[in-house]
Protein backbone atom coordinates (compact mmCIF):
# COMPACT_ATOMS: atom_id res chain seq x y z
CA MET A 1 57.68 -45.86 4.62
CA ASP A 2 58.10 -49.62 4.73
CA LYS A 3 56.80 -51.55 1.71
CA ASN A 4 56.91 -54.87 3.89
CA ASP A 5 53.83 -57.15 4.19
CA GLY A 6 53.19 -58.75 0.38
CA GLY A 7 53.16 -54.24 -0.59
CA LYS A 8 51.14 -52.90 1.95
CA GLU A 9 51.98 -50.00 2.76
CA LYS A 10 52.96 -49.84 7.26
CA ARG A 11 51.29 -46.82 8.59
CA ARG A 12 52.66 -45.04 11.56
CA PRO A 13 48.71 -44.79 13.73
CA LEU A 14 49.49 -40.93 14.30
CA GLU A 15 48.84 -40.74 10.31
CA VAL A 16 46.25 -42.93 10.62
CA PHE A 17 44.45 -41.05 12.96
CA GLU A 18 44.70 -37.74 10.94
CA ARG A 19 43.27 -39.46 7.86
CA ILE A 20 40.34 -40.69 9.52
CA TRP A 21 40.13 -37.41 11.82
CA SER A 22 39.51 -35.25 8.64
CA GLN A 23 37.60 -37.81 7.02
CA ALA A 24 35.53 -37.73 10.29
CA LEU A 25 35.24 -34.00 10.16
CA VAL A 26 34.46 -33.38 6.73
CA ALA A 27 31.55 -36.06 6.96
CA VAL A 28 30.59 -34.07 10.24
CA THR A 29 30.46 -30.38 8.00
CA SER A 30 29.04 -32.39 5.49
CA ALA A 31 26.54 -33.75 7.61
CA GLU A 32 25.76 -30.33 8.93
CA ASP A 33 25.78 -28.67 5.11
CA GLU A 34 22.93 -31.40 4.42
CA ALA A 35 20.83 -30.26 7.84
CA SER A 36 20.76 -26.94 6.80
CA LYS A 37 19.31 -27.66 3.50
CA VAL A 38 16.37 -30.01 5.07
CA GLY A 39 15.44 -27.64 7.70
CA ALA A 40 15.40 -24.76 5.76
CA ARG A 41 12.77 -27.41 2.89
CA MET A 42 11.19 -28.26 6.24
CA ALA A 43 9.91 -24.56 6.18
CA ASP A 44 9.03 -24.22 3.82
CA VAL A 45 6.59 -27.60 3.73
CA ALA A 46 5.72 -26.62 7.63
CA GLY A 47 5.09 -22.77 6.90
CA TRP A 48 6.83 -21.64 9.15
CA SER A 49 8.09 -18.67 9.81
CA GLN A 50 11.82 -16.84 9.32
CA GLU A 51 11.37 -17.08 13.54
CA GLU A 52 10.57 -20.67 13.84
CA LEU A 53 13.17 -21.88 12.00
CA LYS A 54 16.06 -20.37 13.68
CA ARG A 55 14.25 -21.06 17.34
CA HIS A 56 14.43 -25.17 15.34
CA VAL A 57 18.33 -24.35 13.25
CA ARG A 58 19.20 -23.25 16.57
CA ASP A 59 18.45 -25.98 19.08
CA MET A 60 19.72 -28.49 15.97
CA ALA A 61 23.13 -27.06 15.93
CA GLU A 62 22.73 -27.52 20.06
CA ARG A 63 22.44 -30.89 19.14
CA LEU A 64 25.00 -31.09 16.99
CA ALA A 65 27.78 -28.97 18.90
CA THR A 66 26.76 -31.73 21.04
CA GLN A 67 26.75 -34.64 19.37
CA ARG A 68 30.35 -33.32 17.26
CA LYS A 69 31.77 -32.89 21.82
CA ALA A 70 30.85 -36.70 22.08
CA LEU A 71 32.57 -37.73 19.92
CA GLU A 72 35.85 -35.61 19.54
CA ALA A 73 35.70 -37.39 22.90
CA ASN A 74 35.37 -40.52 21.93
CA VAL A 75 38.04 -40.54 19.02
CA GLU A 76 40.40 -38.98 21.48
CA GLU A 77 39.45 -42.15 24.55
CA GLY A 78 39.80 -44.20 22.02
CA VAL A 79 43.47 -42.77 20.73
CA ARG A 80 44.83 -42.56 24.29
CA GLY A 81 43.61 -46.63 24.15
CA THR A 82 44.87 -47.57 21.35
CA LEU A 83 48.15 -46.09 22.15
CA ALA A 84 48.85 -47.50 25.80
CA ARG A 85 47.60 -50.76 24.34
CA LEU A 86 50.75 -50.28 21.85
CA LYS A 87 52.54 -48.96 24.52
CA VAL A 88 53.12 -45.70 23.00
CA PRO A 89 55.33 -44.17 25.18
CA ARG A 90 53.38 -40.34 26.63
CA ARG A 91 55.74 -37.28 26.72
CA GLU A 92 55.90 -36.99 31.18
CA GLU A 93 57.12 -40.33 29.95
CA MET A 94 59.46 -39.27 27.14
CA SER A 95 60.55 -36.03 28.72
CA ALA A 96 61.58 -38.19 31.57
CA LEU A 97 63.61 -41.05 29.99
CA GLY A 98 65.53 -37.79 27.88
CA ALA A 99 66.50 -36.40 31.76
CA ARG A 100 67.48 -39.73 32.98
CA LEU A 101 69.60 -40.19 29.33
CA GLU A 102 71.60 -37.17 30.17
CA ALA A 103 72.17 -37.67 33.57
CA VAL A 104 73.97 -40.70 31.86
CA ALA A 105 76.00 -39.59 30.12
CA ARG A 106 76.87 -37.07 32.11
CA ARG A 107 78.12 -39.68 34.52
CA ILE A 108 79.98 -41.24 32.39
CA ALA A 109 82.27 -38.28 31.06
CA GLU A 110 82.84 -38.20 34.34
CA LEU A 111 83.86 -41.63 34.69
CA GLU A 112 86.29 -41.12 31.49
CA ALA A 113 87.77 -37.28 32.50
CA ARG A 114 88.55 -39.86 35.21
CA ARG A 115 90.75 -42.01 33.79
């Protein structure tokens, strides 16, 4: 990695995204674990039966799953927007460019063969 601008490491956008995504998943998992513990304590305090606790946990798990999907969608949209602002080419654009380069290389080879 380059060490420019005062010794700060420049990271590729993908490495930064992977680190942030990993941290987000750890945070979500930790929150889910803590929610489970809080649910058990609430059941004790509220005097809920095992069935009531399961119902509340199921409802909470559904809400967390919905929120996780929303978080993933927001992150994906943010990454797409960032990549667009950085003008990082999409996979399709890179494939098209590769095909064009191959065509140019073939044409150059043909021209050189005619000499």
